[in-house]
């Protein structure tokens, strides 16, 4: 169950990475698309705002192409300058991030990068009752991007979390995986910390063999 969870999450998250990069471009395109509508229309029709010397208009939109996520988007464009700003908010957590004023492509990528640096909501999968030795643990894996450039490159990183839930509660342990191939190693590092906290949680021979076999298949 534990290894199936890791494998299915990592493969689906990698597929999601390409869609996330596309979503960033779609967000910027939404901002660009309203620029032609704005000129000549009454103030307030699409929401005119001033930002220093930048008269801009914004358009709200929904982004649901990222698997598991329902994001609220807002794309803005300076009417007389080639500057864009994009924000995304995860409806499941209320966490959001807004890019600075920048190029069309970078605005969307920066918003996606910033959101998943902060958010641990729709970009995560979790299981609250996984057997580990004589214990049970909760496990969560979240995808994110380590840089703005990684968004356009669809290069996903992962953060894994583990906490012993019974027979007693442990601190939450975490590890970073730079890519999907490293998730098994990161998960093993978290398990090692849990076992150090309570040796009774050491994986059974069957669990240990499954973990080793899974790691070899992904090598």
N, C-alpha and C. Protein backbone atom coordinates (compact mmCIF):
# COMPACT_ATOMS: atom_id res chain seq x y z
N UNK A 1 0.84 -1.20 0.00
CA UNK A 1 0.00 0.00 0.00
C UNK A 1 0.87 1.25 0.00
N UNK A 2 1.91 1.24 0.84
CA UNK A 2 2.81 2.39 0.96
C UNK A 2 3.53 2.65 -0.36
N UNK A 3 4.08 1.59 -0.95
CA UNK A 3 4.85 1.75 -2.17
C UNK A 3 3.96 2.07 -3.36
N UNK A 4 2.77 1.50 -3.38
CA UNK A 4 1.83 1.83 -4.45
C UNK A 4 1.49 3.32 -4.40
N UNK A 5 1.32 3.83 -3.18
CA UNK A 5 1.01 5.25 -3.01
C UNK A 5 2.12 6.12 -3.58
N UNK A 6 3.37 5.79 -3.24
CA UNK A 6 4.51 6.58 -3.73
C UNK A 6 4.59 6.51 -5.25
N UNK A 7 4.49 5.30 -5.80
CA UNK A 7 4.63 5.13 -7.24
C UNK A 7 3.54 5.83 -8.02
N UNK A 8 2.30 5.68 -7.58
CA UNK A 8 1.19 6.29 -8.32
C UNK A 8 1.24 7.81 -8.22
N UNK A 9 1.67 8.33 -7.05
CA UNK A 9 1.75 9.78 -6.91
C UNK A 9 2.85 10.36 -7.78
N UNK A 10 4.03 9.74 -7.78
CA UNK A 10 5.15 10.31 -8.53
C UNK A 10 4.86 10.33 -10.02
N UNK A 11 4.24 9.28 -10.55
CA UNK A 11 3.96 9.25 -11.99
C UNK A 11 2.89 10.27 -12.36
N UNK A 12 1.85 10.40 -11.53
CA UNK A 12 0.80 11.37 -11.83
C UNK A 12 1.31 12.80 -11.68
N UNK A 13 2.21 13.02 -10.72
CA UNK A 13 2.75 14.37 -10.52
C UNK A 13 3.63 14.78 -11.69
N UNK A 14 4.37 13.85 -12.27
CA UNK A 14 5.20 14.19 -13.41
C UNK A 14 4.33 14.56 -14.61
N UNK A 15 3.22 13.85 -14.79
CA UNK A 15 2.29 14.22 -15.88
C UNK A 15 1.69 15.59 -15.60
N UNK A 16 1.44 15.86 -14.33
CA UNK A 16 0.85 17.15 -13.96
C UNK A 16 1.80 18.30 -14.25
N UNK A 17 3.10 18.05 -14.16
CA UNK A 17 4.08 19.13 -14.33
C UNK A 17 3.93 19.81 -15.69
N UNK A 18 3.73 19.02 -16.73
CA UNK A 18 3.56 19.60 -18.06
C UNK A 18 2.30 20.44 -18.13
N UNK A 19 1.22 19.96 -17.51
CA UNK A 19 -0.03 20.72 -17.50
C UNK A 19 0.11 22.00 -16.69
N UNK A 20 0.91 21.96 -15.63
CA UNK A 20 1.12 23.15 -14.82
C UNK A 20 1.84 24.22 -15.64
N UNK A 21 2.86 23.81 -16.38
CA UNK A 21 3.58 24.76 -17.22
C UNK A 21 2.64 25.38 -18.25
N UNK A 22 1.75 24.55 -18.81
CA UNK A 22 0.77 25.07 -19.77
C UNK A 22 -0.18 26.04 -19.09
N UNK A 23 -0.56 25.74 -17.86
CA UNK A 23 -1.48 26.61 -17.13
C UNK A 23 -0.87 27.99 -16.91
N UNK A 24 0.43 28.02 -16.66
CA UNK A 24 1.12 29.29 -16.46
C UNK A 24 1.03 30.14 -17.73
N UNK A 25 1.20 29.50 -18.87
CA UNK A 25 1.11 30.23 -20.14
C UNK A 25 -0.32 30.67 -20.42
N UNK A 26 -1.28 29.81 -20.08
CA UNK A 26 -2.69 30.16 -20.27
C UNK A 26 -3.06 31.38 -19.44
N UNK A 27 -2.53 31.43 -18.21
CA UNK A 27 -2.81 32.57 -17.33
C UNK A 27 -2.32 33.87 -17.95
N UNK A 28 -1.10 33.84 -18.48
CA UNK A 28 -0.55 35.04 -19.11
C UNK A 28 -1.34 35.40 -20.36
N UNK A 29 -1.77 34.38 -21.09
CA UNK A 29 -2.56 34.63 -22.30
C UNK A 29 -3.89 35.28 -21.95
N UNK A 30 -4.47 34.88 -20.82
CA UNK A 30 -5.73 35.48 -20.38
C UNK A 30 -5.54 36.97 -20.11
N UNK A 31 -4.41 37.31 -19.51
CA UNK A 31 -4.12 38.72 -19.25
C UNK A 31 -3.92 39.47 -20.56
N UNK A 32 -3.22 38.85 -21.50
CA UNK A 32 -2.95 39.52 -22.77
C UNK A 32 -4.23 39.71 -23.58
N UNK A 33 -5.12 38.73 -23.49
CA UNK A 33 -6.33 38.76 -24.28
C UNK A 33 -7.25 39.91 -23.96
N UNK A 34 -7.20 40.41 -22.73
CA UNK A 34 -8.12 41.48 -22.36
C UNK A 34 -7.60 42.85 -22.76
N UNK A 35 -6.32 42.96 -23.14
CA UNK A 35 -5.75 44.27 -23.42
C UNK A 35 -6.48 44.95 -24.57
N UNK A 36 -6.87 44.18 -25.59
CA UNK A 36 -7.57 44.77 -26.72
C UNK A 36 -8.99 45.17 -26.36
N UNK A 37 -9.57 44.47 -25.38
CA UNK A 37 -10.94 44.78 -24.97
C UNK A 37 -11.00 46.07 -24.16
N UNK A 38 -9.89 46.39 -23.50
CA UNK A 38 -9.90 47.49 -22.55
C UNK A 38 -9.89 48.85 -23.22
N UNK A 39 -9.05 48.99 -24.24
CA UNK A 39 -8.87 50.30 -24.86
C UNK A 39 -10.20 50.80 -25.40
N UNK A 40 -10.58 52.01 -25.00
CA UNK A 40 -11.80 52.62 -25.50
C UNK A 40 -13.04 52.30 -24.69
N UNK A 41 -12.94 51.39 -23.69
CA UNK A 41 -14.11 51.05 -22.88
C UNK A 41 -14.13 51.88 -21.61
N UNK A 42 -15.28 51.97 -21.01
CA UNK A 42 -15.42 52.78 -19.81
C UNK A 42 -14.65 52.17 -18.66
N UNK A 43 -14.08 53.03 -17.82
CA UNK A 43 -13.35 52.55 -16.65
C UNK A 43 -14.29 51.74 -15.77
N UNK A 44 -13.79 50.61 -15.30
CA UNK A 44 -14.60 49.74 -14.44
C UNK A 44 -15.26 48.61 -15.18
N UNK A 45 -15.36 48.68 -16.49
CA UNK A 45 -16.03 47.62 -17.24
C UNK A 45 -15.30 46.30 -17.07
N UNK A 46 -13.97 46.36 -17.12
CA UNK A 46 -13.18 45.16 -16.88
C UNK A 46 -12.27 45.33 -15.67
N UNK A 47 -12.37 46.45 -15.01
CA UNK A 47 -11.55 46.68 -13.83
C UNK A 47 -10.26 47.39 -14.17
N UNK A 48 -10.29 48.73 -14.27
CA UNK A 48 -9.08 49.50 -14.52
C UNK A 48 -8.41 49.84 -13.20
N UNK A 49 -7.09 49.79 -13.19
CA UNK A 49 -6.35 50.11 -11.98
C UNK A 49 -5.07 50.85 -12.37
N UNK A 50 -4.54 51.61 -11.43
CA UNK A 50 -3.25 52.25 -11.63
C UNK A 50 -2.21 51.54 -10.77
N UNK A 51 -1.05 51.30 -11.32
CA UNK A 51 0.08 50.78 -10.56
C UNK A 51 1.27 51.64 -10.94
N UNK A 52 1.56 52.64 -10.12
CA UNK A 52 2.58 53.62 -10.45
C UNK A 52 2.22 54.24 -11.81
N UNK A 53 3.02 53.98 -12.85
CA UNK A 53 2.74 54.55 -14.17
C UNK A 53 1.99 53.56 -15.06
N UNK A 54 1.53 52.45 -14.47
CA UNK A 54 0.93 51.38 -15.28
C UNK A 54 -0.58 51.38 -15.13
N UNK A 55 -1.30 51.82 -16.15
CA UNK A 55 -2.74 51.66 -16.19
C UNK A 55 -3.00 50.25 -16.69
N UNK A 56 -3.70 49.45 -15.89
CA UNK A 56 -3.85 48.05 -16.27
C UNK A 56 -5.28 47.57 -16.07
N UNK A 57 -5.57 46.47 -16.72
CA UNK A 57 -6.88 45.82 -16.60
C UNK A 57 -6.66 44.37 -16.24
N UNK A 58 -7.61 43.81 -15.51
CA UNK A 58 -7.46 42.44 -15.01
C UNK A 58 -8.69 41.61 -15.38
N UNK A 59 -8.48 40.33 -15.46
CA UNK A 59 -9.57 39.40 -15.74
C UNK A 59 -9.41 38.17 -14.86
N UNK A 60 -10.48 37.82 -14.15
CA UNK A 60 -10.45 36.64 -13.30
C UNK A 60 -10.82 35.40 -14.12
N UNK A 61 -10.27 34.26 -13.75
CA UNK A 61 -10.55 33.02 -14.47
C UNK A 61 -10.34 31.84 -13.54
N UNK A 62 -10.85 30.69 -13.94
CA UNK A 62 -10.67 29.45 -13.19
C UNK A 62 -9.67 28.57 -13.91
N UNK A 63 -8.80 27.93 -13.16
CA UNK A 63 -7.82 27.01 -13.73
C UNK A 63 -8.01 25.63 -13.08
N UNK A 64 -8.49 24.67 -13.88
CA UNK A 64 -8.76 23.33 -13.35
C UNK A 64 -8.00 22.24 -14.11
N UNK A 65 -7.03 22.63 -14.93
CA UNK A 65 -6.31 21.64 -15.73
C UNK A 65 -5.22 20.92 -14.94
N UNK A 66 -4.82 21.47 -13.79
CA UNK A 66 -3.81 20.82 -12.97
C UNK A 66 -4.49 19.73 -12.14
N UNK A 67 -4.12 18.47 -12.31
CA UNK A 67 -4.81 17.37 -11.62
C UNK A 67 -4.92 17.60 -10.12
N UNK A 68 -6.14 17.48 -9.61
CA UNK A 68 -6.37 17.63 -8.18
C UNK A 68 -6.54 19.05 -7.71
N UNK A 69 -6.33 20.03 -8.59
CA UNK A 69 -6.36 21.43 -8.17
C UNK A 69 -7.51 22.20 -8.81
N UNK A 70 -8.09 23.07 -8.02
CA UNK A 70 -9.09 24.03 -8.49
C UNK A 70 -8.57 25.40 -8.09
N UNK A 71 -7.91 26.07 -9.04
CA UNK A 71 -7.25 27.34 -8.74
C UNK A 71 -8.07 28.52 -9.21
N UNK A 72 -8.03 29.58 -8.42
CA UNK A 72 -8.64 30.85 -8.80
C UNK A 72 -7.53 31.73 -9.37
N UNK A 73 -7.72 32.20 -10.60
CA UNK A 73 -6.68 32.99 -11.26
C UNK A 73 -7.10 34.42 -11.50
N UNK A 74 -6.11 35.28 -11.63
CA UNK A 74 -6.34 36.69 -11.95
C UNK A 74 -5.17 37.15 -12.81
N UNK A 75 -5.46 37.52 -14.05
CA UNK A 75 -4.41 37.96 -14.97
C UNK A 75 -4.56 39.43 -15.29
N UNK A 76 -3.47 40.18 -15.23
CA UNK A 76 -3.51 41.62 -15.48
C UNK A 76 -2.46 42.00 -16.53
N UNK A 77 -2.77 43.05 -17.30
CA UNK A 77 -1.82 43.56 -18.29
C UNK A 77 -1.83 45.08 -18.27
N UNK A 78 -0.61 45.64 -18.32
CA UNK A 78 -0.51 47.08 -18.52
C UNK A 78 -1.03 47.39 -19.92
N UNK A 79 -1.91 48.35 -20.02
CA UNK A 79 -2.55 48.63 -21.30
C UNK A 79 -1.57 49.17 -22.33
N UNK A 80 -0.65 50.02 -21.90
CA UNK A 80 0.26 50.66 -22.85
C UNK A 80 1.70 50.17 -22.73
N UNK A 81 1.91 49.11 -21.95
CA UNK A 81 3.25 48.55 -21.78
C UNK A 81 3.15 47.03 -21.83
N UNK A 82 4.22 46.38 -22.23
CA UNK A 82 4.23 44.92 -22.30
C UNK A 82 4.64 44.34 -20.94
N UNK A 83 3.80 44.57 -19.94
CA UNK A 83 4.04 44.04 -18.61
C UNK A 83 2.79 43.30 -18.15
N UNK A 84 3.01 42.20 -17.45
CA UNK A 84 1.91 41.34 -17.04
C UNK A 84 2.08 40.95 -15.57
N UNK A 85 0.95 40.64 -14.94
CA UNK A 85 0.96 40.14 -13.57
C UNK A 85 -0.11 39.06 -13.45
N UNK A 86 0.24 37.95 -12.82
CA UNK A 86 -0.69 36.83 -12.68
C UNK A 86 -0.71 36.39 -11.22
N UNK A 87 -1.88 36.04 -10.73
CA UNK A 87 -1.98 35.46 -9.39
C UNK A 87 -2.79 34.18 -9.45
N UNK A 88 -2.43 33.24 -8.59
CA UNK A 88 -3.17 31.99 -8.44
C UNK A 88 -3.47 31.78 -6.96
N UNK A 89 -4.68 31.27 -6.67
CA UNK A 89 -5.07 30.92 -5.30
C UNK A 89 -5.64 29.52 -5.30
N UNK A 90 -5.17 28.70 -4.37
CA UNK A 90 -5.70 27.34 -4.19
C UNK A 90 -6.98 27.44 -3.38
N UNK A 91 -8.10 27.10 -3.99
CA UNK A 91 -9.38 27.23 -3.30
C UNK A 91 -9.49 26.30 -2.09
N UNK A 92 -8.75 25.20 -2.09
CA UNK A 92 -8.86 24.24 -0.98
C UNK A 92 -8.20 24.74 0.29
N UNK A 93 -7.25 25.67 0.17
CA UNK A 93 -6.53 26.17 1.34
C UNK A 93 -6.64 27.68 1.52
N UNK A 94 -6.99 28.39 0.45
CA UNK A 94 -7.00 29.85 0.51
C UNK A 94 -5.63 30.47 0.33
N UNK A 95 -4.60 29.64 0.12
CA UNK A 95 -3.24 30.15 -0.08
C UNK A 95 -3.11 30.66 -1.51
N UNK A 96 -2.50 31.83 -1.67
CA UNK A 96 -2.33 32.40 -3.00
C UNK A 96 -0.97 33.04 -3.16
N UNK A 97 -0.65 33.35 -4.41
CA UNK A 97 0.62 34.03 -4.71
C UNK A 97 0.42 34.89 -5.95
N UNK A 98 0.98 36.10 -5.92
CA UNK A 98 0.88 37.02 -7.05
C UNK A 98 2.27 37.35 -7.56
N UNK A 99 2.45 37.25 -8.86
CA UNK A 99 3.75 37.57 -9.45
C UNK A 99 3.97 39.07 -9.45
N UNK A 100 5.20 39.46 -9.75
CA UNK A 100 5.48 40.87 -9.98
C UNK A 100 5.13 41.23 -11.42
N UNK A 101 5.32 42.49 -11.78
CA UNK A 101 5.10 42.92 -13.16
C UNK A 101 6.31 42.50 -13.99
N UNK A 102 6.06 41.66 -14.99
CA UNK A 102 7.17 41.12 -15.77
C UNK A 102 6.67 40.71 -17.15
N UNK A 103 7.42 39.89 -17.86
CA UNK A 103 7.01 39.46 -19.20
C UNK A 103 5.82 38.52 -19.11
N UNK A 104 5.17 38.32 -20.25
CA UNK A 104 3.95 37.50 -20.28
C UNK A 104 4.21 36.08 -19.78
N UNK A 105 5.23 35.43 -20.31
CA UNK A 105 5.50 34.05 -19.91
C UNK A 105 5.96 33.96 -18.46
N UNK A 106 6.85 34.87 -18.07
CA UNK A 106 7.42 34.78 -16.73
C UNK A 106 6.39 35.05 -15.64
N UNK A 107 5.39 35.89 -15.93
CA UNK A 107 4.37 36.20 -14.92
C UNK A 107 3.62 34.95 -14.50
N UNK A 108 3.18 34.16 -15.48
CA UNK A 108 2.47 32.93 -15.15
C UNK A 108 3.35 31.92 -14.45
N UNK A 109 4.60 31.78 -14.93
CA UNK A 109 5.53 30.83 -14.33
C UNK A 109 5.87 31.23 -12.90
N UNK A 110 6.06 32.53 -12.68
CA UNK A 110 6.40 33.02 -11.34
C UNK A 110 5.24 32.78 -10.37
N UNK A 111 4.00 32.95 -10.85
CA UNK A 111 2.84 32.74 -9.99
C UNK A 111 2.69 31.28 -9.59
N UNK A 112 2.92 30.37 -10.54
CA UNK A 112 2.85 28.93 -10.24
C UNK A 112 3.96 28.54 -9.27
N UNK A 113 5.18 29.02 -9.54
CA UNK A 113 6.31 28.72 -8.66
C UNK A 113 6.03 29.20 -7.24
N UNK A 114 5.60 30.45 -7.11
CA UNK A 114 5.36 31.01 -5.79
C UNK A 114 4.25 30.31 -5.04
N UNK A 115 3.18 29.95 -5.76
CA UNK A 115 2.06 29.27 -5.11
C UNK A 115 2.49 27.94 -4.50
N UNK A 116 3.18 27.12 -5.29
CA UNK A 116 3.52 25.79 -4.79
C UNK A 116 4.75 25.77 -3.89
N UNK A 117 5.44 26.91 -3.78
CA UNK A 117 6.45 27.05 -2.73
C UNK A 117 5.76 27.17 -1.37
N UNK A 118 4.61 27.85 -1.35
CA UNK A 118 3.90 28.11 -0.10
C UNK A 118 2.83 27.07 0.21
N UNK A 119 2.13 26.64 -0.83
CA UNK A 119 0.92 25.84 -0.65
C UNK A 119 1.24 24.37 -0.39
N UNK A 120 0.52 23.78 0.53
CA UNK A 120 0.59 22.34 0.76
C UNK A 120 -0.85 21.82 0.80
N UNK A 121 -1.54 22.08 -0.32
CA UNK A 121 -2.95 21.71 -0.42
C UNK A 121 -3.20 20.79 -1.58
N UNK A 122 -3.67 21.36 -2.71
CA UNK A 122 -4.06 20.52 -3.84
C UNK A 122 -2.86 19.86 -4.51
N UNK A 123 -1.65 20.32 -4.23
CA UNK A 123 -0.45 19.71 -4.82
C UNK A 123 0.07 18.55 -3.98
N UNK A 124 -0.70 18.12 -3.00
CA UNK A 124 -0.27 17.04 -2.11
C UNK A 124 -1.24 15.86 -2.17
N UNK A 125 -0.69 14.68 -1.91
CA UNK A 125 -1.48 13.47 -1.71
C UNK A 125 -1.07 12.89 -0.36
N UNK A 126 -2.04 12.36 0.36
CA UNK A 126 -1.71 11.88 1.70
C UNK A 126 -2.46 10.60 2.04
N UNK A 127 -1.92 9.87 2.98
CA UNK A 127 -2.56 8.68 3.54
C UNK A 127 -2.33 8.76 5.05
N UNK A 128 -3.41 8.78 5.81
CA UNK A 128 -3.30 9.02 7.25
C UNK A 128 -3.15 7.76 8.09
N UNK A 129 -3.12 6.58 7.46
CA UNK A 129 -3.01 5.36 8.26
C UNK A 129 -2.25 4.29 7.48
N UNK A 130 -0.93 4.42 7.45
CA UNK A 130 -0.09 3.43 6.77
C UNK A 130 0.61 2.56 7.81
N UNK A 131 0.57 1.22 7.64
CA UNK A 131 1.27 0.35 8.59
C UNK A 131 2.78 0.44 8.42
N UNK A 132 3.49 0.46 9.53
CA UNK A 132 4.95 0.48 9.53
C UNK A 132 5.42 -0.29 10.75
N UNK A 133 5.91 -1.52 10.53
CA UNK A 133 6.27 -2.37 11.65
C UNK A 133 5.05 -2.61 12.53
N UNK A 134 5.19 -2.33 13.83
CA UNK A 134 4.07 -2.48 14.76
C UNK A 134 3.30 -1.16 14.93
N UNK A 135 3.53 -0.22 14.05
CA UNK A 135 2.98 1.12 14.20
C UNK A 135 2.13 1.51 12.99
N UNK A 136 1.56 2.69 13.09
CA UNK A 136 0.90 3.32 11.95
C UNK A 136 1.43 4.74 11.82
N UNK A 137 1.54 5.19 10.58
CA UNK A 137 2.05 6.52 10.32
C UNK A 137 1.18 7.23 9.29
N UNK A 138 1.26 8.54 9.29
CA UNK A 138 0.64 9.33 8.22
C UNK A 138 1.76 9.75 7.27
N UNK A 139 1.43 9.81 6.00
CA UNK A 139 2.43 10.14 4.99
C UNK A 139 1.82 11.11 3.99
N UNK A 140 2.60 12.12 3.61
CA UNK A 140 2.13 13.10 2.63
C UNK A 140 3.27 13.42 1.68
N UNK A 141 2.96 13.51 0.40
CA UNK A 141 3.94 13.89 -0.61
C UNK A 141 3.37 15.05 -1.43
N UNK A 142 4.18 16.09 -1.61
CA UNK A 142 3.74 17.30 -2.31
C UNK A 142 4.72 17.64 -3.42
N UNK A 143 4.19 17.98 -4.59
CA UNK A 143 5.09 18.43 -5.66
C UNK A 143 5.19 19.95 -5.64
N UNK A 144 6.35 20.45 -6.06
CA UNK A 144 6.58 21.89 -6.14
C UNK A 144 7.71 22.12 -7.13
N UNK A 145 8.11 23.38 -7.30
CA UNK A 145 9.20 23.71 -8.21
C UNK A 145 10.29 24.44 -7.44
N UNK A 146 11.54 24.10 -7.72
CA UNK A 146 12.65 24.69 -6.98
C UNK A 146 13.11 26.02 -7.56
N UNK A 147 12.63 26.37 -8.75
CA UNK A 147 12.95 27.67 -9.35
C UNK A 147 11.88 28.01 -10.37
N UNK A 148 11.83 29.28 -10.77
CA UNK A 148 10.88 29.69 -11.81
C UNK A 148 11.19 28.99 -13.13
N UNK A 149 12.48 28.83 -13.42
CA UNK A 149 12.88 28.16 -14.67
C UNK A 149 12.39 26.72 -14.71
N UNK A 150 12.28 26.07 -13.55
CA UNK A 150 11.82 24.68 -13.51
C UNK A 150 10.36 24.55 -13.92
N UNK A 151 9.58 25.62 -13.80
CA UNK A 151 8.17 25.56 -14.21
C UNK A 151 8.10 25.37 -15.72
N UNK A 152 8.80 26.21 -16.48
CA UNK A 152 8.76 26.10 -17.94
C UNK A 152 9.40 24.81 -18.41
N UNK A 153 10.35 24.28 -17.61
CA UNK A 153 11.01 23.02 -17.98
C UNK A 153 10.24 21.80 -17.49
N UNK A 154 9.11 22.02 -16.80
CA UNK A 154 8.31 20.93 -16.22
C UNK A 154 9.17 20.02 -15.34
N UNK A 155 10.06 20.63 -14.57
CA UNK A 155 10.96 19.89 -13.69
C UNK A 155 10.42 19.95 -12.27
N UNK A 156 9.77 18.88 -11.86
CA UNK A 156 9.09 18.85 -10.57
C UNK A 156 9.97 18.29 -9.48
N UNK A 157 9.93 18.91 -8.31
CA UNK A 157 10.56 18.37 -7.11
C UNK A 157 9.45 17.95 -6.15
N UNK A 158 9.82 17.24 -5.10
CA UNK A 158 8.83 16.70 -4.17
C UNK A 158 9.30 16.89 -2.74
N UNK A 159 8.35 17.13 -1.85
CA UNK A 159 8.64 17.14 -0.42
C UNK A 159 7.76 16.09 0.23
N UNK A 160 8.37 15.20 0.99
CA UNK A 160 7.61 14.15 1.66
C UNK A 160 7.61 14.41 3.16
N UNK A 161 6.49 14.07 3.79
CA UNK A 161 6.31 14.26 5.22
C UNK A 161 5.85 12.94 5.83
N UNK A 162 6.33 12.62 7.01
CA UNK A 162 5.87 11.43 7.71
C UNK A 162 5.77 11.69 9.20
N UNK A 163 4.74 11.13 9.81
CA UNK A 163 4.56 11.28 11.25
C UNK A 163 3.98 10.00 11.82
N UNK A 164 4.55 9.53 12.90
CA UNK A 164 4.01 8.38 13.61
C UNK A 164 2.71 8.80 14.30
N UNK A 165 1.65 8.01 14.09
CA UNK A 165 0.35 8.35 14.69
C UNK A 165 -0.07 7.38 15.79
N UNK A 166 0.42 6.13 15.75
CA UNK A 166 0.12 5.18 16.82
C UNK A 166 1.23 4.13 16.86
N UNK A 167 1.57 3.61 18.03
CA UNK A 167 0.86 3.77 19.31
C UNK A 167 1.10 5.11 20.01
N UNK A 168 2.06 5.90 19.51
CA UNK A 168 2.26 7.24 20.07
C UNK A 168 2.58 8.18 18.92
N UNK A 169 2.49 9.46 19.19
CA UNK A 169 2.68 10.45 18.14
C UNK A 169 4.10 10.98 18.14
N UNK A 170 4.68 11.08 16.95
CA UNK A 170 6.04 11.59 16.81
C UNK A 170 6.01 12.99 16.22
N UNK A 171 7.15 13.68 16.20
CA UNK A 171 7.23 14.92 15.41
C UNK A 171 7.01 14.59 13.93
N UNK A 172 6.78 15.59 13.12
CA UNK A 172 6.68 15.40 11.67
C UNK A 172 8.07 15.49 11.07
N UNK A 173 8.44 14.46 10.32
CA UNK A 173 9.75 14.43 9.66
C UNK A 173 9.55 14.70 8.17
N UNK A 174 10.55 15.30 7.55
CA UNK A 174 10.40 15.66 6.14
C UNK A 174 11.71 15.48 5.39
N UNK A 175 11.60 15.31 4.08
CA UNK A 175 12.77 15.18 3.21
C UNK A 175 12.38 15.69 1.83
N UNK A 176 13.38 16.16 1.08
CA UNK A 176 13.18 16.69 -0.26
C UNK A 176 13.70 15.69 -1.29
N UNK A 177 12.91 15.49 -2.34
CA UNK A 177 13.35 14.69 -3.48
C UNK A 177 13.46 15.62 -4.68
N UNK A 178 14.63 15.67 -5.31
CA UNK A 178 14.85 16.60 -6.42
C UNK A 178 14.07 16.21 -7.66
N UNK A 179 13.67 14.93 -7.76
CA UNK A 179 12.88 14.47 -8.90
C UNK A 179 12.14 13.21 -8.49
N UNK A 180 11.33 12.66 -9.40
CA UNK A 180 10.50 11.51 -9.05
C UNK A 180 11.33 10.28 -8.71
N UNK A 181 12.51 10.15 -9.32
CA UNK A 181 13.36 8.98 -9.05
C UNK A 181 13.89 8.97 -7.63
N UNK A 182 13.91 10.14 -6.99
CA UNK A 182 14.48 10.25 -5.64
C UNK A 182 13.42 10.15 -4.55
N UNK A 183 12.15 9.97 -4.92
CA UNK A 183 11.09 9.92 -3.91
C UNK A 183 11.29 8.74 -2.96
N UNK A 184 11.68 7.58 -3.50
CA UNK A 184 11.88 6.41 -2.65
C UNK A 184 12.95 6.67 -1.60
N UNK A 185 14.05 7.29 -2.00
CA UNK A 185 15.13 7.61 -1.06
C UNK A 185 14.66 8.59 0.01
N UNK A 186 13.89 9.60 -0.42
CA UNK A 186 13.38 10.59 0.54
C UNK A 186 12.42 9.92 1.53
N UNK A 187 11.55 9.04 1.02
CA UNK A 187 10.62 8.34 1.90
C UNK A 187 11.37 7.45 2.90
N UNK A 188 12.43 6.79 2.41
CA UNK A 188 13.22 5.93 3.29
C UNK A 188 13.89 6.75 4.39
N UNK A 189 14.33 7.97 4.05
CA UNK A 189 14.96 8.84 5.05
C UNK A 189 13.96 9.22 6.14
N UNK A 190 12.72 9.50 5.73
CA UNK A 190 11.68 9.83 6.70
C UNK A 190 11.40 8.63 7.61
N UNK A 191 11.33 7.44 7.01
CA UNK A 191 11.08 6.23 7.79
C UNK A 191 12.20 5.99 8.80
N UNK A 192 13.45 6.23 8.38
CA UNK A 192 14.59 6.06 9.29
C UNK A 192 14.44 6.95 10.52
N UNK A 193 13.97 8.17 10.32
CA UNK A 193 13.80 9.09 11.44
C UNK A 193 12.68 8.62 12.37
N UNK A 194 11.62 8.06 11.80
CA UNK A 194 10.53 7.54 12.62
C UNK A 194 11.00 6.34 13.44
N UNK A 195 11.77 5.46 12.81
CA UNK A 195 12.28 4.28 13.51
C UNK A 195 13.24 4.69 14.62
N UNK A 196 14.03 5.74 14.39
CA UNK A 196 14.92 6.24 15.44
C UNK A 196 14.11 6.76 16.63
N UNK A 197 12.93 7.31 16.34
CA UNK A 197 12.05 7.80 17.40
C UNK A 197 11.44 6.64 18.17
N UNK A 198 11.04 5.57 17.45
CA UNK A 198 10.43 4.40 18.09
C UNK A 198 10.86 3.15 17.33
N UNK A 199 11.84 2.40 17.85
CA UNK A 199 12.33 1.20 17.16
C UNK A 199 11.26 0.15 16.88
N UNK A 200 10.16 0.19 17.61
CA UNK A 200 9.08 -0.77 17.36
C UNK A 200 8.45 -0.57 16.00
N UNK A 201 8.74 0.58 15.38
CA UNK A 201 8.16 0.89 14.07
C UNK A 201 9.05 0.44 12.92
N UNK A 202 10.13 -0.28 13.22
CA UNK A 202 11.00 -0.76 12.15
C UNK A 202 10.20 -1.60 11.17
N UNK A 203 10.39 -1.38 9.86
CA UNK A 203 9.61 -2.13 8.87
C UNK A 203 9.78 -3.63 9.03
N UNK A 204 8.73 -4.37 8.76
CA UNK A 204 8.83 -5.82 8.77
C UNK A 204 9.73 -6.26 7.62
N UNK A 205 10.13 -7.53 7.63
CA UNK A 205 10.98 -8.04 6.55
C UNK A 205 10.28 -7.88 5.21
N UNK A 206 8.99 -8.11 5.19
CA UNK A 206 8.23 -7.98 3.94
C UNK A 206 8.19 -6.52 3.48
N UNK A 207 7.96 -5.59 4.41
CA UNK A 207 7.93 -4.18 4.05
C UNK A 207 9.29 -3.71 3.55
N UNK A 208 10.37 -4.15 4.22
CA UNK A 208 11.72 -3.76 3.81
C UNK A 208 12.06 -4.31 2.43
N UNK A 209 11.66 -5.57 2.17
CA UNK A 209 11.92 -6.18 0.86
C UNK A 209 11.16 -5.45 -0.23
N UNK A 210 9.93 -5.07 0.06
CA UNK A 210 9.12 -4.34 -0.92
C UNK A 210 9.77 -2.99 -1.24
N UNK A 211 10.27 -2.31 -0.21
CA UNK A 211 10.90 -1.01 -0.42
C UNK A 211 12.15 -1.15 -1.28
N UNK A 212 12.97 -2.17 -0.99
CA UNK A 212 14.19 -2.39 -1.77
C UNK A 212 13.86 -2.74 -3.21
N UNK A 213 12.86 -3.59 -3.40
CA UNK A 213 12.46 -3.99 -4.75
C UNK A 213 11.94 -2.79 -5.53
N UNK A 214 11.15 -1.96 -4.86
CA UNK A 214 10.59 -0.78 -5.51
C UNK A 214 11.70 0.18 -5.94
N UNK A 215 12.70 0.36 -5.06
CA UNK A 215 13.81 1.26 -5.37
C UNK A 215 14.60 0.75 -6.58
N UNK A 216 14.81 -0.56 -6.66
CA UNK A 216 15.55 -1.13 -7.79
C UNK A 216 14.78 -0.96 -9.09
N UNK A 217 13.46 -1.11 -9.04
CA UNK A 217 12.65 -0.96 -10.26
C UNK A 217 12.73 0.46 -10.80
N UNK A 218 12.93 1.44 -9.91
CA UNK A 218 12.96 2.84 -10.33
C UNK A 218 14.36 3.32 -10.64
N UNK A 219 15.37 2.49 -10.37
CA UNK A 219 16.77 2.91 -10.59
C UNK A 219 17.07 3.00 -12.08
